[in-house]
């Protein structure tokens, strides 16, 4: 007895529902009502003869078989997209979707001409659909590892097995306080006084990472540079920010650097991709364009 493969549309709906952890949350991406999504999920479960997920007042969760089926579905959809790319490459044109991830607040960084690279890429390969996501360093690595992202650009203090890290440049960070902070108007500030201030840490920093930047503990935690900037501007905290990102507020007299000879570091930025995917046409052409733009800086 032969087994009929599920409709690809149903598989993509299933993956979207899992990604958003529920029917309601997946509505916008799928452009479907929750009742329609529920119907399609029921169809998929009926075709497979298994229950994929629990849904109801207790929230959304995958069954054990649903977990296994989700992993296999991701693999299958990835291979199908790779086949589509390969077929298009044989005809001399690039098609498909390039999923790119980046850290937040890089748009103001002159060392990363991402807008220029994307513009050139889109002009040369109009058949490629670009999906750009902003995530934390950990989320970027995880997304590349499970093929939700093809490429990602960021600073990664810890590395994951299975990924290729291509060094790009270093981003300068300084320790800042705002005009509302007590230290703003002081001239000679001892290091000991700075380390006693309420400091903003990053959610993805380990305790060792925090210590490397001169502090034993943080009084607040953020997951993005914009959130960090807001807390520093409040005057209640001091915190590290990329130089390029903080500069407009420094020029306006709203931020100042604290003891740059002691507090400052350079974050090494890398382009990452999953091992074994370096020669895929969509990925390779984007890497080549990025390399060309960086060489022009």
Protein backbone atom coordinates (compact mmCIF):
# COMPACT_ATOMS: atom_id res chain seq x y z
CA UNK A 1 0.00 0.00 0.00
CA UNK A 2 1.51 3.31 -1.08
CA UNK A 3 1.62 6.36 1.16
CA UNK A 4 0.55 9.68 -0.36
CA UNK A 5 2.76 12.61 0.56
CA UNK A 6 0.95 15.49 2.31
CA UNK A 7 0.20 18.62 0.30
CA UNK A 8 3.11 21.07 0.45
CA UNK A 9 0.68 23.83 1.36
CA UNK A 10 -0.33 21.91 4.48
CA UNK A 11 3.31 21.36 5.42
CA UNK A 12 4.09 25.06 5.11
CA UNK A 13 1.07 25.96 7.21
CA UNK A 14 2.19 23.46 9.85
CA UNK A 15 5.71 24.95 9.96
CA UNK A 16 4.33 28.49 10.26
CA UNK A 17 2.01 27.47 13.12
CA UNK A 18 4.92 25.88 15.00
CA UNK A 19 7.13 28.90 14.37
CA UNK A 20 4.50 31.24 15.81
CA UNK A 21 3.46 28.75 18.53
CA UNK A 22 -0.24 28.89 17.74
CA UNK A 23 -2.97 29.40 15.18
CA UNK A 24 -3.83 33.01 16.09
CA UNK A 25 -0.21 34.13 16.02
CA UNK A 26 0.29 32.60 12.55
CA UNK A 27 -2.71 34.39 11.00
CA UNK A 28 -0.83 37.41 9.68
CA UNK A 29 1.96 35.44 8.00
CA UNK A 30 -0.43 32.93 6.43
CA UNK A 31 -3.17 35.45 5.65
CA UNK A 32 -5.72 32.94 6.92
CA UNK A 33 -8.32 32.94 9.67
CA UNK A 34 -7.83 30.75 12.72
CA UNK A 35 -10.74 28.56 11.61
CA UNK A 36 -9.11 28.05 8.19
CA UNK A 37 -5.77 27.21 9.81
CA UNK A 38 -7.51 24.76 12.12
CA UNK A 39 -9.19 23.09 9.13
CA UNK A 40 -5.91 22.73 7.26
CA UNK A 41 -4.15 21.34 10.33
CA UNK A 42 -6.95 18.80 10.80
CA UNK A 43 -6.57 17.79 7.14
CA UNK A 44 -2.83 17.25 7.62
CA UNK A 45 -3.35 15.17 10.76
CA UNK A 46 -6.03 13.14 8.97
CA UNK A 47 -3.70 12.43 6.05
CA UNK A 48 -0.91 11.38 8.39
CA UNK A 49 -3.09 9.48 10.83
CA UNK A 50 -1.39 11.07 13.85
CA UNK A 51 -1.98 13.99 16.21
CA UNK A 52 0.64 16.67 15.64
CA UNK A 53 -0.20 19.19 18.32
CA UNK A 54 -2.31 20.04 21.32
CA UNK A 55 -4.30 23.26 21.09
CA UNK A 56 -6.83 24.79 23.40
CA UNK A 57 -6.98 26.67 26.67
CA UNK A 58 -3.76 25.08 27.80
CA UNK A 59 -1.91 26.70 24.88
CA UNK A 60 -0.16 25.29 21.84
CA UNK A 61 2.32 22.41 22.05
CA UNK A 62 3.61 19.69 19.77
CA UNK A 63 3.13 16.03 20.57
CA UNK A 64 6.21 13.81 20.59
CA UNK A 65 5.36 12.61 17.07
CA UNK A 66 4.64 16.21 16.10
CA UNK A 67 8.15 17.19 17.19
CA UNK A 68 9.67 14.46 15.01
CA UNK A 69 7.45 15.33 12.05
CA UNK A 70 8.30 19.03 12.38
CA UNK A 71 12.03 18.34 12.18
CA UNK A 72 11.56 16.15 9.12
CA UNK A 73 9.28 18.75 7.51
CA UNK A 74 11.92 21.44 7.96
CA UNK A 75 14.49 19.16 6.33
CA UNK A 76 12.18 18.34 3.43
CA UNK A 77 11.18 21.94 2.74
CA UNK A 78 14.83 22.98 2.91
CA UNK A 79 15.80 20.35 0.37
CA UNK A 80 12.93 21.32 -1.93
CA UNK A 81 13.97 24.96 -1.84
CA UNK A 82 17.56 23.91 -2.50
CA UNK A 83 16.38 21.91 -5.50
CA UNK A 84 14.46 24.93 -6.79
CA UNK A 85 17.58 27.06 -6.47
CA UNK A 86 19.69 24.43 -8.23
CA UNK A 87 17.22 24.19 -11.12
CA UNK A 88 17.16 27.96 -11.52
CA UNK A 89 20.96 28.10 -11.42
CA UNK A 90 21.13 25.61 -14.29
CA UNK A 91 19.15 28.10 -16.37
CA UNK A 92 21.57 30.86 -15.42
CA UNK A 93 19.18 32.72 -13.11
CA UNK A 94 18.77 32.84 -9.37
CA UNK A 95 15.33 32.30 -7.86
CA UNK A 96 13.94 31.36 -4.48
CA UNK A 97 14.13 33.01 -1.07
CA UNK A 98 17.25 34.25 0.71
CA UNK A 99 16.68 34.38 4.46
CA UNK A 100 19.10 36.86 5.98
CA UNK A 101 19.52 37.76 9.65
CA UNK A 102 21.34 40.65 11.31
CA UNK A 103 21.82 42.23 14.72
CA UNK A 104 19.77 45.32 15.48
CA UNK A 105 21.07 48.89 15.11
CA UNK A 106 23.59 48.09 12.36
CA UNK A 107 21.98 50.46 9.85
CA UNK A 108 24.11 53.36 11.16
CA UNK A 109 27.38 51.40 10.99
CA UNK A 110 29.59 52.67 8.12
CA UNK A 111 31.66 49.50 8.39
CA UNK A 112 28.70 47.37 7.30
CA UNK A 113 27.29 48.52 3.92
CA UNK A 114 24.35 46.15 4.19
CA UNK A 115 21.87 48.43 2.41
CA UNK A 116 24.26 48.79 -0.52
CA UNK A 117 24.81 45.02 -0.69
CA UNK A 118 21.09 44.30 -0.63
CA UNK A 119 20.45 46.94 -3.29
CA UNK A 120 23.07 45.48 -5.60
CA UNK A 121 21.89 41.94 -4.93
CA UNK A 122 18.26 42.78 -5.69
CA UNK A 123 19.23 44.57 -8.88
CA UNK A 124 21.37 41.69 -10.13
CA UNK A 125 18.96 38.96 -9.05
CA UNK A 126 15.38 40.32 -9.22
CA UNK A 127 13.93 36.80 -9.06
CA UNK A 128 15.16 36.29 -5.50
CA UNK A 129 12.80 37.11 -2.63
CA UNK A 130 14.70 38.52 0.34
CA UNK A 131 13.52 37.95 3.90
CA UNK A 132 15.42 40.06 6.44
CA UNK A 133 15.17 39.39 10.20
CA UNK A 134 16.64 41.19 13.22
CA UNK A 135 17.56 38.85 16.09
CA UNK A 136 19.89 38.46 19.06
CA UNK A 137 23.28 36.74 18.53
CA UNK A 138 22.04 33.46 20.03
CA UNK A 139 18.84 33.51 17.95
CA UNK A 140 20.82 34.22 14.77
CA UNK A 141 23.11 31.25 15.31
CA UNK A 142 20.25 28.93 16.17
CA UNK A 143 18.23 30.03 13.12
CA UNK A 144 21.18 29.43 10.78
CA UNK A 145 21.83 26.06 12.38
CA UNK A 146 18.26 24.82 11.76
CA UNK A 147 18.07 26.42 8.27
CA UNK A 148 15.51 29.10 9.15
CA UNK A 149 18.19 31.56 8.05
CA UNK A 150 20.64 31.08 5.19
CA UNK A 151 23.09 33.74 6.37
CA UNK A 152 23.47 35.98 9.41
CA UNK A 153 25.68 38.89 10.37
CA UNK A 154 26.52 39.69 13.97
CA UNK A 155 28.96 39.57 16.87
CA UNK A 156 29.09 36.13 18.48
CA UNK A 157 30.93 35.77 21.79
CA UNK A 158 30.26 32.03 21.82
CA UNK A 159 30.33 29.75 18.80
CA UNK A 160 28.19 26.79 17.83
CA UNK A 161 29.30 23.58 16.18
CA UNK A 162 28.10 23.15 12.61
CA UNK A 163 28.46 26.82 11.64
CA UNK A 164 31.09 28.57 9.51
CA UNK A 165 32.24 31.97 10.84
CA UNK A 166 33.69 34.41 8.29
CA UNK A 167 35.33 37.44 10.00
CA UNK A 168 34.16 40.81 8.67
CA UNK A 169 35.21 43.75 10.88
CA UNK A 170 35.25 45.04 14.46
CA UNK A 171 32.60 47.32 15.97
CA UNK A 172 33.78 49.81 18.61
CA UNK A 173 31.76 50.03 21.85
CA UNK A 174 32.15 52.62 24.63
CA UNK A 175 30.55 53.00 28.03
CA UNK A 176 28.04 55.89 28.10
CA UNK A 177 25.95 57.91 30.52
CA UNK A 178 23.31 60.51 29.68
CA UNK A 179 22.94 64.16 30.60
CA UNK A 180 20.44 63.07 33.27
CA UNK A 181 23.04 60.96 35.07
CA UNK A 182 25.03 62.23 38.06
CA UNK A 183 28.37 61.45 36.35
CA UNK A 184 27.64 63.46 33.21
CA UNK A 185 29.09 66.77 34.39
CA UNK A 186 32.06 65.37 36.30
CA UNK A 187 35.54 65.67 34.82
CA UNK A 188 37.83 63.26 36.62
CA UNK A 189 35.84 60.15 37.41
CA UNK A 190 37.66 57.29 39.20
CA UNK A 191 37.20 53.80 37.84
CA UNK A 192 35.87 52.57 41.18
CA UNK A 193 33.03 55.08 41.09
CA UNK A 194 31.97 54.00 37.61
CA UNK A 195 31.83 50.32 38.54
CA UNK A 196 29.48 51.20 41.42
CA UNK A 197 26.87 52.66 39.04
CA UNK A 198 23.69 50.89 37.95
CA UNK A 199 24.69 49.27 34.68
CA UNK A 200 22.66 47.80 31.79
CA UNK A 201 23.67 44.30 30.70
CA UNK A 202 22.73 42.26 27.65
CA UNK A 203 20.46 39.26 28.00
CA UNK A 204 22.87 37.18 25.94
CA UNK A 205 25.93 38.07 28.06
CA UNK A 206 27.25 35.47 30.46
CA UNK A 207 28.57 36.48 33.87
CA UNK A 208 32.10 36.06 32.51
CA UNK A 209 31.30 38.36 29.59
CA UNK A 210 29.94 40.99 32.00
CA UNK A 211 33.11 40.74 34.08
CA UNK A 212 35.28 41.21 30.98
CA UNK A 213 33.56 44.56 30.50
CA UNK A 214 34.41 45.67 34.04
CA UNK A 215 31.25 44.89 36.04
CA UNK A 216 30.29 42.21 38.54
CA UNK A 217 26.53 42.53 38.05
CA UNK A 218 23.94 44.48 36.09
CA UNK A 219 20.93 46.41 37.37
CA UNK A 220 18.91 46.00 34.16
CA UNK A 221 18.90 43.68 31.16
CA UNK A 222 18.06 44.31 27.50
CA UNK A 223 17.91 42.25 24.32
CA UNK A 224 18.52 45.06 21.81
CA UNK A 225 20.62 48.19 21.35
CA UNK A 226 17.54 50.39 21.09
CA UNK A 227 16.37 49.17 24.49
CA UNK A 228 19.87 49.78 25.85
CA UNK A 229 19.90 53.33 24.48
CA UNK A 230 16.51 54.09 26.05
CA UNK A 231 17.70 52.95 29.49
CA UNK A 232 20.95 54.91 29.24
CA UNK A 233 19.11 58.04 28.08
CA UNK A 234 16.81 57.70 31.11
CA UNK A 235 19.70 58.69 33.36
CA UNK A 236 19.03 55.77 35.70
CA UNK A 237 21.73 53.57 34.17
CA UNK A 238 25.04 53.55 32.34
CA UNK A 239 25.73 51.09 29.54
CA UNK A 240 27.78 50.08 26.52
CA UNK A 241 26.68 51.19 23.06
CA UNK A 242 28.22 50.95 19.58
CA UNK A 243 30.07 54.18 18.82
CA UNK A 244 28.27 54.72 15.50
CA UNK A 245 24.87 54.22 17.13
CA UNK A 246 25.50 56.57 20.08
CA UNK A 247 27.25 59.33 18.11
CA UNK A 248 24.12 61.37 17.16
CA UNK A 249 23.22 61.70 20.86
CA UNK A 250 26.83 62.55 21.73
CA UNK A 251 26.76 65.32 19.09
CA UNK A 252 23.54 66.66 20.67
CA UNK A 253 25.16 66.72 24.11
CA UNK A 254 22.83 64.04 25.49
CA UNK A 255 25.43 61.27 25.95
CA UNK A 256 29.08 61.17 26.97
CA UNK A 257 31.72 58.45 27.00
CA UNK A 258 32.95 57.35 30.41
CA UNK A 259 36.69 56.75 30.90
CA UNK A 260 37.45 55.44 27.37
CA UNK A 261 40.97 54.42 28.34
CA UNK A 262 39.48 51.77 30.65
CA UNK A 263 35.95 51.02 29.50
CA UNK A 264 35.66 50.06 25.87
CA UNK A 265 35.85 47.03 23.66
CA UNK A 266 35.62 45.94 20.04
CA UNK A 267 32.99 43.41 19.02
CA UNK A 268 34.22 41.16 16.17
CA UNK A 269 31.49 40.86 13.53
CA UNK A 270 31.21 37.74 11.38
CA UNK A 271 29.09 36.38 8.59
CA UNK A 272 27.82 32.93 9.55
CA UNK A 273 26.28 30.11 7.55
CA UNK A 274 25.66 26.44 8.10
CA UNK A 275 28.54 24.13 7.28
CA UNK A 276 28.01 22.42 3.94
CA UNK A 277 26.03 25.28 2.37
CA UNK A 278 28.90 27.52 1.26
CA UNK A 279 28.52 26.69 -2.44
CA UNK A 280 24.78 27.24 -2.75
CA UNK A 281 24.26 29.92 -5.47
CA UNK A 282 22.06 32.30 -3.44
CA UNK A 283 24.48 32.22 -0.52
CA UNK A 284 27.66 32.40 -2.57
CA UNK A 285 26.53 35.38 -4.66
CA UNK A 286 25.53 37.34 -1.53
CA UNK A 287 28.87 36.57 0.12
CA UNK A 288 30.73 37.73 -2.98
CA UNK A 289 28.79 41.01 -3.11
CA UNK A 290 29.37 41.64 0.59
CA UNK A 291 33.09 41.00 0.18
CA UNK A 292 33.24 43.42 -2.75
CA UNK A 293 31.46 46.18 -0.80
CA UNK A 294 33.64 45.70 2.28
CA UNK A 295 36.80 45.92 0.16
CA UNK A 296 35.64 49.31 -1.13
CA UNK A 297 35.45 50.81 2.39
